[in-house]
Amino acid sequence: MKIFQWFAAVLSVLAATSLTQAMAKPAIIYDLAGKFDKSYNESAFSGAEAWKAKSGSDYREIELQSQAQREQALRRLAGAGNNPVVMTGFAFQTSLSAVAPEFPDTKFVIIDSVVDEPNVRSVIFKEHEGSFLVGYLAGLTTKTDVVGFVGGMDIPLIRRFACGYVQGVKAANPDSKVIQNMTGNEPSAWNDPVKGGELTKAQIAAGADVVYHAAGGTGVGVLQAAADAGIYGIGVDANQNYIHPGSVLTSMIKRVDLIVEESFTVGPDIPSGVFALGLAEDGVGYALDDYNKDLISGASKDKVAEVRQQVIAGDLMVHNYTDDDNCPVN
């Protein structure tokens, strides 16, 4: 089911929403990179704002300043009656596991992690599938047969992006080389554009002419360095093609915005459970717009469309690093 059809189906539960629930104001907590990171958090913010524009209602929001604030923020919002409470990022898993049982009447939505509680909706994405597509495009586009990847915090989630990307590059261009770097091992790795630029420059010096980032706010430095050097960058999570028109080949998009909008719209009656969104659900994909339409040939678009259908049909398996950390390509 396409994500938009899935969205519409979930909205049908609105008919059962009680008056008290309808009055509950939704809330969102952004991760440490902040809501204007031009990537993951900003996509979530866009979803909240889309709901606000359509509903005419308001919501509460918190931007974290430190790791220690996670539980405090969750308890503050749930204790104030906000419902549902949405949070962006895997790093909320431990805090939500502690807080959710304390507020059984509050619905929580966590994006990019799973918390097994009856009042939690866990939404995860198949980033490896979307990364495969942009990797395939990179493999078709490179002139040097060398491409790069810059990750944020070195965790299995980001290794999943990297592994899918490399698999896509190799599928399109078996003789190519992929240079990989992670920014760091601490949460600060998500918001270090200077380090992102330095890593990108080093990859360019080694021959890379396309560099994909999965690094949150750090990726701003990756895209800047790529544009300055006259090579292509590839954005992530939100559509980042506009940041450097003509220099961003594409962006691997995750529909975090729709998840937030849907959660706010359905409200406290939103179903709990685990929901995984990939290519088949249009939960991930690659961005094509006026900023990059002339960068990707018709033949390349057709080839990417073909492999996309192969993945959806199960004829082409993209490795999921989270399930098996033995990535078959490197």
C-alpha atoms as a PDB file:
ATOM      1  CA  MET A   1       0.000   0.000   0.000  1.00  0.00           C
ATOM      2  CA  LYS A   2       1.349   3.395  -0.955  1.00  0.00           C
ATOM      3  CA  ILE A   3       2.099   5.665   1.968  1.00  0.00           C
ATOM      4  CA  PHE A   4      -0.552   8.119   0.822  1.00  0.00           C
ATOM      5  CA  GLN A   5      -3.195   5.358   0.703  1.00  0.00           C
ATOM      6  CA  TRP A   6      -1.994   4.150   4.084  1.00  0.00           C
ATOM      7  CA  PHE A   7      -2.255   7.702   5.400  1.00  0.00           C
ATOM      8  CA  ALA A   8      -5.857   7.961   4.160  1.00  0.00           C
ATOM      9  CA  ALA A   9      -6.769   4.595   5.688  1.00  0.00           C
ATOM     10  CA  VAL A  10      -5.424   5.617   9.080  1.00  0.00           C
ATOM     11  CA  LEU A  11      -7.425   8.832   8.970  1.00  0.00           C
ATOM     12  CA  SER A  12     -10.633   6.768   8.983  1.00  0.00           C
ATOM     13  CA  VAL A  13     -10.219   6.223  12.733  1.00  0.00           C
ATOM     14  CA  LEU A  14     -10.989   9.900  13.266  1.00  0.00           C
ATOM     15  CA  ALA A  15     -14.680   9.062  13.372  1.00  0.00           C
ATOM     16  CA  ALA A  16     -14.104   7.303  16.682  1.00  0.00           C
ATOM     17  CA  THR A  17     -12.239  10.157  18.350  1.00  0.00           C
ATOM     18  CA  SER A  18     -13.988  11.414  21.496  1.00  0.00           C
ATOM     19  CA  LEU A  19     -14.533  15.096  22.301  1.00  0.00           C
ATOM     20  CA  THR A  20     -11.892  14.989  25.029  1.00  0.00           C
ATOM     21  CA  GLN A  21      -9.354  13.416  22.713  1.00  0.00           C
ATOM     22  CA  ALA A  22     -10.122  15.907  19.972  1.00  0.00           C
ATOM     23  CA  MET A  23      -9.211  18.717  22.348  1.00  0.00           C
ATOM     24  CA  ALA A  24      -5.806  17.219  23.166  1.00  0.00           C
ATOM     25  CA  LYS A  25      -3.027  19.288  21.639  1.00  0.00           C
ATOM     26  CA  PRO A  26      -0.339  17.207  19.862  1.00  0.00           C
ATOM     27  CA  ALA A  27       3.346  17.769  20.501  1.00  0.00           C
ATOM     28  CA  ILE A  28       6.707  17.029  18.942  1.00  0.00           C
ATOM     29  CA  ILE A  29      10.221  16.772  20.329  1.00  0.00           C
ATOM     30  CA  TYR A  30      13.058  17.361  17.863  1.00  0.00           C
ATOM     31  CA  ASP A  31      16.404  15.686  18.234  1.00  0.00           C
ATOM     32  CA  LEU A  32      19.621  17.533  19.005  1.00  0.00           C
ATOM     33  CA  ALA A  33      20.355  18.861  15.517  1.00  0.00           C
ATOM     34  CA  GLY A  34      17.343  21.179  15.864  1.00  0.00           C
ATOM     35  CA  LYS A  35      14.250  21.699  13.777  1.00  0.00           C
ATOM     36  CA  PHE A  36      16.083  23.784  11.160  1.00  0.00           C
ATOM     37  CA  ASP A  37      18.761  21.222  10.283  1.00  0.00           C
ATOM     38  CA  LYS A  38      17.620  21.270   6.611  1.00  0.00           C
ATOM     39  CA  SER A  39      17.232  17.500   6.873  1.00  0.00           C
ATOM     40  CA  TYR A  40      15.560  15.023   9.219  1.00  0.00           C
ATOM     41  CA  ASN A  41      14.226  17.336  11.928  1.00  0.00           C
ATOM     42  CA  GLU A  42      13.188  19.980   9.439  1.00  0.00           C
ATOM     43  CA  SER A  43      11.180  17.385   7.534  1.00  0.00           C
ATOM     44  CA  ALA A  44       9.365  16.587  10.783  1.00  0.00           C
ATOM     45  CA  PHE A  45       8.786  20.305  11.371  1.00  0.00           C
ATOM     46  CA  SER A  46       7.336  20.624   7.863  1.00  0.00           C
ATOM     47  CA  GLY A  47       4.854  17.870   8.661  1.00  0.00           C
ATOM     48  CA  ALA A  48       3.792  19.608  11.860  1.00  0.00           C
ATOM     49  CA  GLU A  49       3.360  22.894  10.018  1.00  0.00           C
ATOM     50  CA  ALA A  50       1.355  21.202   7.254  1.00  0.00           C
ATOM     51  CA  TRP A  51      -1.036  19.865   9.893  1.00  0.00           C
ATOM     52  CA  LYS A  52      -1.255  23.298  11.498  1.00  0.00           C
ATOM     53  CA  ALA A  53      -2.080  24.957   8.168  1.00  0.00           C
ATOM     54  CA  LYS A  54      -4.789  22.413   7.346  1.00  0.00           C
ATOM     55  CA  SER A  55      -6.346  22.127  10.789  1.00  0.00           C
ATOM     56  CA  GLY A  56      -6.071  25.706  11.987  1.00  0.00           C
ATOM     57  CA  SER A  57      -4.903  24.311  15.308  1.00  0.00           C
ATOM     58  CA  ASP A  58      -1.621  24.616  17.135  1.00  0.00           C
ATOM     59  CA  TYR A  59       0.862  22.180  18.642  1.00  0.00           C
ATOM     60  CA  ARG A  60       3.616  22.197  21.234  1.00  0.00           C
ATOM     61  CA  GLU A  61       7.261  21.607  20.411  1.00  0.00           C
ATOM     62  CA  ILE A  62      10.535  21.142  22.230  1.00  0.00           C
ATOM     63  CA  GLU A  63      14.049  21.389  20.821  1.00  0.00           C
ATOM     64  CA  LEU A  64      16.484  19.458  22.970  1.00  0.00           C
ATOM     65  CA  GLN A  65      19.674  21.101  24.150  1.00  0.00           C
ATOM     66  CA  SER A  66      21.234  17.988  25.687  1.00  0.00           C
ATOM     67  CA  GLN A  67      20.859  14.223  25.890  1.00  0.00           C
ATOM     68  CA  ALA A  68      19.779  14.473  29.512  1.00  0.00           C
ATOM     69  CA  GLN A  69      16.579  16.322  28.578  1.00  0.00           C
ATOM     70  CA  ARG A  70      14.868  13.437  26.785  1.00  0.00           C
ATOM     71  CA  GLU A  71      12.913  11.918  29.677  1.00  0.00           C
ATOM     72  CA  GLN A  72      12.182  15.341  31.137  1.00  0.00           C
ATOM     73  CA  ALA A  73      10.697  16.546  27.834  1.00  0.00           C
ATOM     74  CA  LEU A  74       8.545  13.435  27.438  1.00  0.00           C
ATOM     75  CA  ARG A  75       7.173  13.684  30.981  1.00  0.00           C
ATOM     76  CA  ARG A  76       6.524  17.414  30.645  1.00  0.00           C
ATOM     77  CA  LEU A  77       4.415  17.023  27.520  1.00  0.00           C
ATOM     78  CA  ALA A  78       2.564  13.880  28.582  1.00  0.00           C
ATOM     79  CA  GLY A  79       1.957  15.339  32.050  1.00  0.00           C
ATOM     80  CA  ALA A  80       0.482  18.474  30.473  1.00  0.00           C
ATOM     81  CA  GLY A  81      -2.020  16.388  28.520  1.00  0.00           C
ATOM     82  CA  ASN A  82      -0.437  16.669  25.099  1.00  0.00           C
ATOM     83  CA  ASN A  83      -1.529  13.726  22.976  1.00  0.00           C
ATOM     84  CA  PRO A  84      -0.029  12.293  20.849  1.00  0.00           C
ATOM     85  CA  VAL A  85       3.596  13.066  21.600  1.00  0.00           C
ATOM     86  CA  VAL A  86       5.866  12.529  18.580  1.00  0.00           C
ATOM     87  CA  MET A  87       9.652  12.275  18.788  1.00  0.00           C
ATOM     88  CA  THR A  88      12.236  12.242  16.019  1.00  0.00           C
ATOM     89  CA  GLY A  89      15.030   9.747  16.264  1.00  0.00           C
ATOM     90  CA  PHE A  90      16.306   6.426  17.556  1.00  0.00           C
ATOM     91  CA  ALA A  91      17.970   8.119  20.540  1.00  0.00           C
ATOM     92  CA  PHE A  92      14.597   8.405  22.286  1.00  0.00           C
ATOM     93  CA  GLN A  93      14.230   4.634  22.590  1.00  0.00           C
ATOM     94  CA  THR A  94      15.557   4.221  26.133  1.00  0.00           C
ATOM     95  CA  SER A  95      13.792   7.310  27.482  1.00  0.00           C
ATOM     96  CA  LEU A  96      10.462   6.401  25.907  1.00  0.00           C
ATOM     97  CA  SER A  97      10.706   2.838  27.243  1.00  0.00           C
ATOM     98  CA  ALA A  98      10.887   4.335  30.727  1.00  0.00           C
ATOM     99  CA  VAL A  99       8.240   7.032  30.310  1.00  0.00           C
ATOM    100  CA  ALA A 100       5.508   5.371  28.205  1.00  0.00           C
ATOM    101  CA  PRO A 101       4.316   3.002  30.990  1.00  0.00           C
ATOM    102  CA  GLU A 102       3.902   5.990  33.318  1.00  0.00           C
ATOM    103  CA  PHE A 103       1.321   7.580  30.958  1.00  0.00           C
ATOM    104  CA  PRO A 104      -0.835   4.721  29.628  1.00  0.00           C
ATOM    105  CA  ASP A 105      -3.485   7.118  28.292  1.00  0.00           C
ATOM    106  CA  THR A 106      -0.989   9.063  26.191  1.00  0.00           C
ATOM    107  CA  LYS A 107      -0.066   7.900  22.698  1.00  0.00           C
ATOM    108  CA  PHE A 108       3.577   8.250  21.780  1.00  0.00           C
ATOM    109  CA  VAL A 109       5.009   8.056  18.250  1.00  0.00           C
ATOM    110  CA  ILE A 110       8.703   7.307  17.859  1.00  0.00           C
ATOM    111  CA  ILE A 111      10.337   7.584  14.456  1.00  0.00           C
ATOM    112  CA  ASP A 112      13.326   5.390  13.564  1.00  0.00           C
ATOM    113  CA  SER A 113      13.155   3.048  16.537  1.00  0.00           C
ATOM    114  CA  VAL A 114      10.910   0.426  18.119  1.00  0.00           C
ATOM    115  CA  VAL A 115       9.503   0.578  21.635  1.00  0.00           C
ATOM    116  CA  ASP A 116       7.284  -2.355  22.575  1.00  0.00           C
ATOM    117  CA  GLU A 117       4.610  -0.694  24.688  1.00  0.00           C
ATOM    118  CA  PRO A 118       0.835  -0.750  24.118  1.00  0.00           C
ATOM    119  CA  ASN A 119       0.618   3.048  23.811  1.00  0.00           C
ATOM    120  CA  VAL A 120       3.545   3.464  21.393  1.00  0.00           C
ATOM    121  CA  ARG A 121       3.487   3.669  17.622  1.00  0.00           C
ATOM    122  CA  SER A 122       6.931   2.850  16.206  1.00  0.00           C
ATOM    123  CA  VAL A 123       7.624   3.967  12.643  1.00  0.00           C
ATOM    124  CA  ILE A 124      10.770   2.755  10.918  1.00  0.00           C
ATOM    125  CA  PHE A 125      11.973   3.234   7.366  1.00  0.00           C
ATOM    126  CA  LYS A 126      13.779   0.944   4.980  1.00  0.00           C
ATOM    127  CA  GLU A 127      16.554   3.444   4.345  1.00  0.00           C
ATOM    128  CA  HIS A 128      18.678   0.785   2.692  1.00  0.00           C
ATOM    129  CA  GLU A 129      16.152   0.590  -0.154  1.00  0.00           C
ATOM    130  CA  GLY A 130      16.120   4.336  -0.756  1.00  0.00           C
ATOM    131  CA  SER A 131      19.909   4.469  -0.441  1.00  0.00           C
ATOM    132  CA  PHE A 132      20.181   1.729  -3.034  1.00  0.00           C
ATOM    133  CA  LEU A 133      18.362   3.943  -5.538  1.00  0.00           C
ATOM    134  CA  VAL A 134      20.567   6.995  -5.004  1.00  0.00           C
ATOM    135  CA  GLY A 135      23.619   4.738  -5.050  1.00  0.00           C
ATOM    136  CA  TYR A 136      22.481   3.363  -8.378  1.00  0.00           C
ATOM    137  CA  LEU A 137      22.184   6.911  -9.691  1.00  0.00           C
ATOM    138  CA  ALA A 138      25.657   7.731  -8.355  1.00  0.00           C
ATOM    139  CA  GLY A 139      27.064   4.658 -10.109  1.00  0.00           C
ATOM    140  CA  LEU A 140      25.485   5.732 -13.385  1.00  0.00           C
ATOM    141  CA  THR A 141      26.643   9.343 -12.996  1.00  0.00           C
ATOM    142  CA  THR A 142      30.265   9.111 -11.839  1.00  0.00           C
ATOM    143  CA  LYS A 143      32.967   9.884 -14.388  1.00  0.00           C
ATOM    144  CA  THR A 144      35.864   8.890 -12.165  1.00  0.00           C
ATOM    145  CA  ASP A 145      34.393   5.579 -10.973  1.00  0.00           C
ATOM    146  CA  VAL A 146      34.935   6.862  -7.421  1.00  0.00           C
ATOM    147  CA  VAL A 147      32.073   8.031  -5.205  1.00  0.00           C
ATOM    148  CA  GLY A 148      31.827   8.857  -1.511  1.00  0.00           C
ATOM    149  CA  PHE A 149      29.640   8.442   1.546  1.00  0.00           C
ATOM    150  CA  VAL A 150      29.728  10.575   4.703  1.00  0.00           C
ATOM    151  CA  GLY A 151      27.736   9.300   7.662  1.00  0.00           C
ATOM    152  CA  GLY A 152      26.919  11.067  10.894  1.00  0.00           C
ATOM    153  CA  MET A 153      27.135   9.098  14.115  1.00  0.00           C
ATOM    154  CA  ASP A 154      28.631   5.645  13.577  1.00  0.00           C
ATOM    155  CA  ILE A 155      25.641   3.458  14.444  1.00  0.00           C
ATOM    156  CA  PRO A 156      23.896   0.521  12.720  1.00  0.00           C
ATOM    157  CA  LEU A 157      21.173   2.819  11.345  1.00  0.00           C
ATOM    158  CA  ILE A 158      23.709   4.857   9.377  1.00  0.00           C
ATOM    159  CA  ARG A 159      25.614   1.733   8.349  1.00  0.00           C
ATOM    160  CA  ARG A 160      22.286   0.644   6.840  1.00  0.00           C
ATOM    161  CA  PHE A 161      22.300   3.764   4.648  1.00  0.00           C
ATOM    162  CA  ALA A 162      25.918   3.118   3.675  1.00  0.00           C
ATOM    163  CA  CYS A 163      25.499  -0.555   2.839  1.00  0.00           C
ATOM    164  CA  GLY A 164      22.424   0.061   0.664  1.00  0.00           C
ATOM    165  CA  TYR A 165      24.209   2.909  -1.095  1.00  0.00           C
ATOM    166  CA  VAL A 166      27.295   0.850  -1.877  1.00  0.00           C
ATOM    167  CA  GLN A 167      25.143  -2.001  -3.133  1.00  0.00           C
ATOM    168  CA  GLY A 168      23.352   0.389  -5.499  1.00  0.00           C
ATOM    169  CA  VAL A 169      26.605   1.923  -6.744  1.00  0.00           C
ATOM    170  CA  LYS A 170      28.068  -1.520  -7.454  1.00  0.00           C
ATOM    171  CA  ALA A 171      24.883  -2.710  -9.162  1.00  0.00           C
ATOM    172  CA  ALA A 172      25.124   0.156 -11.644  1.00  0.00           C
ATOM    173  CA  ASN A 173      28.920   0.286 -11.912  1.00  0.00           C
ATOM    174  CA  PRO A 174      30.693  -2.886 -10.695  1.00  0.00           C
ATOM    175  CA  ASP A 175      34.156  -1.391 -11.245  1.00  0.00           C
ATOM    176  CA  SER A 176      33.534   1.658  -9.057  1.00  0.00           C
ATOM    177  CA  LYS A 177      35.077   2.430  -5.676  1.00  0.00           C
ATOM    178  CA  VAL A 178      33.154   3.828  -2.701  1.00  0.00           C
ATOM    179  CA  ILE A 179      34.992   5.824  -0.018  1.00  0.00           C
ATOM    180  CA  GLN A 180      33.203   5.799   3.336  1.00  0.00           C
ATOM    181  CA  ASN A 181      33.687   7.984   6.405  1.00  0.00           C
ATOM    182  CA  MET A 182      31.693   8.461   9.593  1.00  0.00           C
ATOM    183  CA  THR A 183      31.776  11.815  11.358  1.00  0.00           C
ATOM    184  CA  GLY A 184      32.047  10.509  14.926  1.00  0.00           C
ATOM    185  CA  ASN A 185      30.760   8.321  17.722  1.00  0.00           C
ATOM    186  CA  GLU A 186      28.901  10.948  19.763  1.00  0.00           C
ATOM    187  CA  PRO A 187      25.605  12.787  19.133  1.00  0.00           C
ATOM    188  CA  SER A 188      27.606  15.885  18.142  1.00  0.00           C
ATOM    189  CA  ALA A 189      28.373  14.046  14.902  1.00  0.00           C
ATOM    190  CA  TRP A 190      24.933  15.087  13.651  1.00  0.00           C
ATOM    191  CA  ASN A 191      25.727  18.787  13.807  1.00  0.00           C
ATOM    192  CA  ASP A 192      29.306  19.314  12.629  1.00  0.00           C
ATOM    193  CA  PRO A 193      29.215  20.819   9.122  1.00  0.00           C
ATOM    194  CA  VAL A 194      32.898  21.762   9.326  1.00  0.00           C
ATOM    195  CA  LYS A 195      33.900  18.143   9.851  1.00  0.00           C
ATOM    196  CA  GLY A 196      31.457  17.095   7.105  1.00  0.00           C
ATOM    197  CA  GLY A 197      33.159  19.489   4.694  1.00  0.00           C
ATOM    198  CA  GLU A 198      36.618  18.246   5.640  1.00  0.00           C
ATOM    199  CA  LEU A 199      35.687  14.610   5.089  1.00  0.00           C
ATOM    200  CA  THR A 200      34.138  15.474   1.734  1.00  0.00           C
ATOM    201  CA  LYS A 201      37.219  17.382   0.585  1.00  0.00           C
ATOM    202  CA  ALA A 202      39.378  14.381   1.461  1.00  0.00           C
ATOM    203  CA  GLN A 203      37.123  12.100  -0.565  1.00  0.00           C
ATOM    204  CA  ILE A 204      37.226  14.506  -3.500  1.00  0.00           C
ATOM    205  CA  ALA A 205      41.026  14.556  -3.289  1.00  0.00           C
ATOM    206  CA  ALA A 206      40.886  10.762  -3.579  1.00  0.00           C
ATOM    207  CA  GLY A 207      38.862  11.007  -6.786  1.00  0.00           C
ATOM    208  CA  ALA A 208      35.227  11.075  -5.670  1.00  0.00           C
ATOM    209  CA  ASP A 209      32.919  13.049  -7.940  1.00  0.00           C
ATOM    210  CA  VAL A 210      29.638  12.142  -6.206  1.00  0.00           C
ATOM    211  CA  VAL A 211      29.251  12.199  -2.390  1.00  0.00           C
ATOM    212  CA  TYR A 212      26.155  11.055  -0.498  1.00  0.00           C
ATOM    213  CA  HIS A 213      25.617  12.089   3.103  1.00  0.00           C
ATOM    214  CA  ALA A 214      23.474  10.614   5.858  1.00  0.00           C
ATOM    215  CA  ALA A 215      24.632  12.999   8.547  1.00  0.00           C
ATOM    216  CA  GLY A 216      21.855  15.388   9.586  1.00  0.00           C
ATOM    217  CA  GLY A 217      23.111  18.951  10.044  1.00  0.00           C
ATOM    218  CA  THR A 218      26.659  17.805   9.283  1.00  0.00           C
ATOM    219  CA  GLY A 219      25.492  17.153   5.748  1.00  0.00           C
ATOM    220  CA  VAL A 220      25.186  20.894   5.094  1.00  0.00           C
ATOM    221  CA  GLY A 221      28.982  20.964   5.079  1.00  0.00           C
ATOM    222  CA  VAL A 222      29.114  17.939   2.792  1.00  0.00           C
ATOM    223  CA  LEU A 223      26.857  19.543   0.207  1.00  0.00           C
ATOM    224  CA  GLN A 224      28.723  22.852   0.449  1.00  0.00           C
ATOM    225  CA  ALA A 225      32.106  21.214  -0.120  1.00  0.00           C
ATOM    226  CA  ALA A 226      30.753  19.242  -3.064  1.00  0.00           C
ATOM    227  CA  ALA A 227      29.272  22.372  -4.666  1.00  0.00           C
ATOM    228  CA  ASP A 228      32.480  24.341  -4.099  1.00  0.00           C
ATOM    229  CA  ALA A 229      34.506  21.620  -5.819  1.00  0.00           C
ATOM    230  CA  GLY A 230      32.142  21.335  -8.775  1.00  0.00           C
ATOM    231  CA  ILE A 231      31.082  17.765  -8.050  1.00  0.00           C
ATOM    232  CA  TYR A 232      27.714  16.315  -7.087  1.00  0.00           C
ATOM    233  CA  GLY A 233      26.370  15.915  -3.574  1.00  0.00           C
ATOM    234  CA  ILE A 234      23.405  13.737  -2.643  1.00  0.00           C
ATOM    235  CA  GLY A 235      21.083  14.906   0.135  1.00  0.00           C
ATOM    236  CA  VAL A 236      19.146  12.884   2.668  1.00  0.00           C
ATOM    237  CA  ASP A 237      15.842  12.641   4.567  1.00  0.00           C
ATOM    238  CA  ALA A 238      14.309  15.897   3.285  1.00  0.00           C
ATOM    239  CA  ASN A 239      14.564  17.038  -0.322  1.00  0.00           C
ATOM    240  CA  GLN A 240      17.819  19.019  -0.252  1.00  0.00           C
ATOM    241  CA  ASN A 241      18.083  19.622  -3.990  1.00  0.00           C
ATOM    242  CA  TYR A 242      17.364  23.330  -3.502  1.00  0.00           C
ATOM    243  CA  ILE A 243      20.343  23.969  -1.229  1.00  0.00           C
ATOM    244  CA  HIS A 244      22.823  24.087  -4.123  1.00  0.00           C
ATOM    245  CA  PRO A 245      20.818  24.023  -7.360  1.00  0.00           C
ATOM    246  CA  GLY A 246      22.647  22.132 -10.082  1.00  0.00           C
ATOM    247  CA  SER A 247      25.119  20.605  -7.634  1.00  0.00           C
ATOM    248  CA  VAL A 248      22.841  18.247  -5.687  1.00  0.00           C
ATOM    249  CA  LEU A 249      22.290  15.216  -7.911  1.00  0.00           C
ATOM    250  CA  THR A 250      19.290  14.084  -5.869  1.00  0.00           C
ATOM    251  CA  SER A 251      18.193  13.428  -2.292  1.00  0.00           C
ATOM    252  CA  MET A 252      17.179  10.208  -0.592  1.00  0.00           C
ATOM    253  CA  ILE A 253      13.888  11.213   0.952  1.00  0.00           C
ATOM    254  CA  LYS A 254      12.187   9.713   3.996  1.00  0.00           C
ATOM    255  CA  ARG A 255       8.600  10.821   4.447  1.00  0.00           C
ATOM    256  CA  VAL A 256       9.082  11.844   8.050  1.00  0.00           C
ATOM    257  CA  ASP A 257       6.897  14.848   7.279  1.00  0.00           C
ATOM    258  CA  LEU A 258       3.901  12.674   6.439  1.00  0.00           C
ATOM    259  CA  ILE A 259       4.350  10.574   9.557  1.00  0.00           C
ATOM    260  CA  VAL A 260       4.211  13.675  11.754  1.00  0.00           C
ATOM    261  CA  GLU A 261       1.268  15.134   9.856  1.00  0.00           C
ATOM    262  CA  GLU A 262      -0.608  11.842  10.047  1.00  0.00           C
ATOM    263  CA  SER A 263       0.103  11.432  13.758  1.00  0.00           C
ATOM    264  CA  PHE A 264      -1.163  14.920  14.559  1.00  0.00           C
ATOM    265  CA  THR A 265      -4.225  14.486  12.348  1.00  0.00           C
ATOM    266  CA  VAL A 266      -5.377  11.172  13.768  1.00  0.00           C
ATOM    267  CA  GLY A 267      -4.545  12.234  17.297  1.00  0.00           C
ATOM    268  CA  PRO A 268      -4.882  10.080  20.425  1.00  0.00           C
ATOM    269  CA  ASP A 269      -6.636   7.264  18.535  1.00  0.00           C
ATOM    270  CA  ILE A 270      -3.631   6.586  16.328  1.00  0.00           C
ATOM    271  CA  PRO A 271      -2.987   2.805  16.315  1.00  0.00           C
ATOM    272  CA  SER A 272      -0.026   1.440  18.220  1.00  0.00           C
ATOM    273  CA  GLY A 273       2.417  -1.114  16.836  1.00  0.00           C
ATOM    274  CA  VAL A 274       5.362  -1.257  14.473  1.00  0.00           C
ATOM    275  CA  PHE A 275       5.130   0.115  10.933  1.00  0.00           C
ATOM    276  CA  ALA A 276       7.956  -0.260   8.390  1.00  0.00           C
ATOM    277  CA  LEU A 277       7.929   1.896   5.250  1.00  0.00           C
ATOM    278  CA  GLY A 278      10.057   1.268   2.184  1.00  0.00           C
ATOM    279  CA  LEU A 279       9.876   1.634  -1.580  1.00  0.00           C
ATOM    280  CA  ALA A 280       6.641  -0.338  -1.858  1.00  0.00           C
ATOM    281  CA  GLU A 281       4.913   2.100   0.511  1.00  0.00           C
ATOM    282  CA  ASP A 282       6.542   5.206  -1.015  1.00  0.00           C
ATOM    283  CA  GLY A 283       8.063   5.779   2.413  1.00  0.00           C
ATOM    284  CA  VAL A 284      11.501   6.279   0.853  1.00  0.00           C
ATOM    285  CA  GLY A 285      12.656   7.241  -2.614  1.00  0.00           C
ATOM    286  CA  TYR A 286      14.716   9.770  -4.530  1.00  0.00           C
ATOM    287  CA  ALA A 287      13.852  13.382  -5.188  1.00  0.00           C
ATOM    288  CA  LEU A 288      13.288  14.686  -8.699  1.00  0.00           C
ATOM    289  CA  ASP A 289      12.285  18.340  -9.143  1.00  0.00           C
ATOM    290  CA  ASP A 290      13.103  21.500 -11.068  1.00  0.00           C
ATOM    291  CA  TYR A 291      16.465  21.787  -9.312  1.00  0.00           C
ATOM    292  CA  ASN A 292      17.856  18.477 -10.586  1.00  0.00           C
ATOM    293  CA  LYS A 293      15.661  17.414 -13.501  1.00  0.00           C
ATOM    294  CA  ASP A 294      18.390  18.284 -16.001  1.00  0.00           C
ATOM    295  CA  LEU A 295      21.072  16.390 -14.057  1.00  0.00           C
ATOM    296  CA  ILE A 296      19.560  12.937 -14.530  1.00  0.00           C
ATOM    297  CA  SER A 297      19.114  11.601 -18.052  1.00  0.00           C
ATOM    298  CA  GLY A 298      15.981   9.907 -19.252  1.00  0.00           C
ATOM    299  CA  ALA A 299      17.920   6.669 -19.638  1.00  0.00           C
ATOM    300  CA  SER A 300      19.085   6.862 -16.011  1.00  0.00           C
ATOM    301  CA  LYS A 301      15.558   7.531 -14.787  1.00  0.00           C
ATOM    302  CA  ASP A 302      14.322   4.478 -16.702  1.00  0.00           C
ATOM    303  CA  LYS A 303      17.056   2.271 -15.231  1.00  0.00           C
ATOM    304  CA  VAL A 304      16.332   3.450 -11.701  1.00  0.00           C
ATOM    305  CA  ALA A 305      12.616   2.866 -12.234  1.00  0.00           C
ATOM    306  CA  GLU A 306      13.414  -0.662 -13.377  1.00  0.00           C
ATOM    307  CA  VAL A 307      15.524  -1.582 -10.354  1.00  0.00           C
ATOM    308  CA  ARG A 308      12.986   0.065  -8.051  1.00  0.00           C
ATOM    309  CA  GLN A 309      10.317  -2.300  -9.340  1.00  0.00           C
ATOM    310  CA  GLN A 310      12.687  -5.228  -8.944  1.00  0.00           C
ATOM    311  CA  VAL A 311      13.182  -4.344  -5.277  1.00  0.00           C
ATOM    312  CA  ILE A 312       9.441  -3.969  -4.699  1.00  0.00           C
ATOM    313  CA  ALA A 313       8.751  -7.297  -6.413  1.00  0.00           C
ATOM    314  CA  GLY A 314      11.398  -9.059  -4.347  1.00  0.00           C
ATOM    315  CA  ASP A 315      13.493  -9.914  -7.386  1.00  0.00           C
ATOM    316  CA  LEU A 316      16.332  -7.721  -6.123  1.00  0.00           C
ATOM    317  CA  MET A 317      17.212  -7.925  -2.440  1.00  0.00           C
ATOM    318  CA  VAL A 318      18.817  -4.936  -0.777  1.00  0.00           C
ATOM    319  CA  HIS A 319      20.866  -5.903   2.257  1.00  0.00           C
ATOM    320  CA  ASN A 320      19.588  -4.664   5.625  1.00  0.00           C
ATOM    321  CA  TYR A 321      22.633  -4.007   7.806  1.00  0.00           C
ATOM    322  CA  THR A 322      20.493  -3.827  10.939  1.00  0.00           C
ATOM    323  CA  ASP A 323      19.464  -7.449  10.477  1.00  0.00           C
ATOM    324  CA  ASP A 324      22.910  -8.621   9.397  1.00  0.00           C
ATOM    325  CA  ASP A 325      26.001  -6.481   9.876  1.00  0.00           C
ATOM    326  CA  ASN A 326      27.922  -8.472   7.308  1.00  0.00           C
ATOM    327  CA  CYS A 327      27.453  -6.060   4.412  1.00  0.00           C
ATOM    328  CA  PRO A 328      28.048  -8.052   1.203  1.00  0.00           C
ATOM    329  CA  VAL A 329      29.679  -5.104  -0.581  1.00  0.00           C
ATOM    330  CA  ASN A 330      32.226  -2.519   0.503  1.00  0.00           C
END
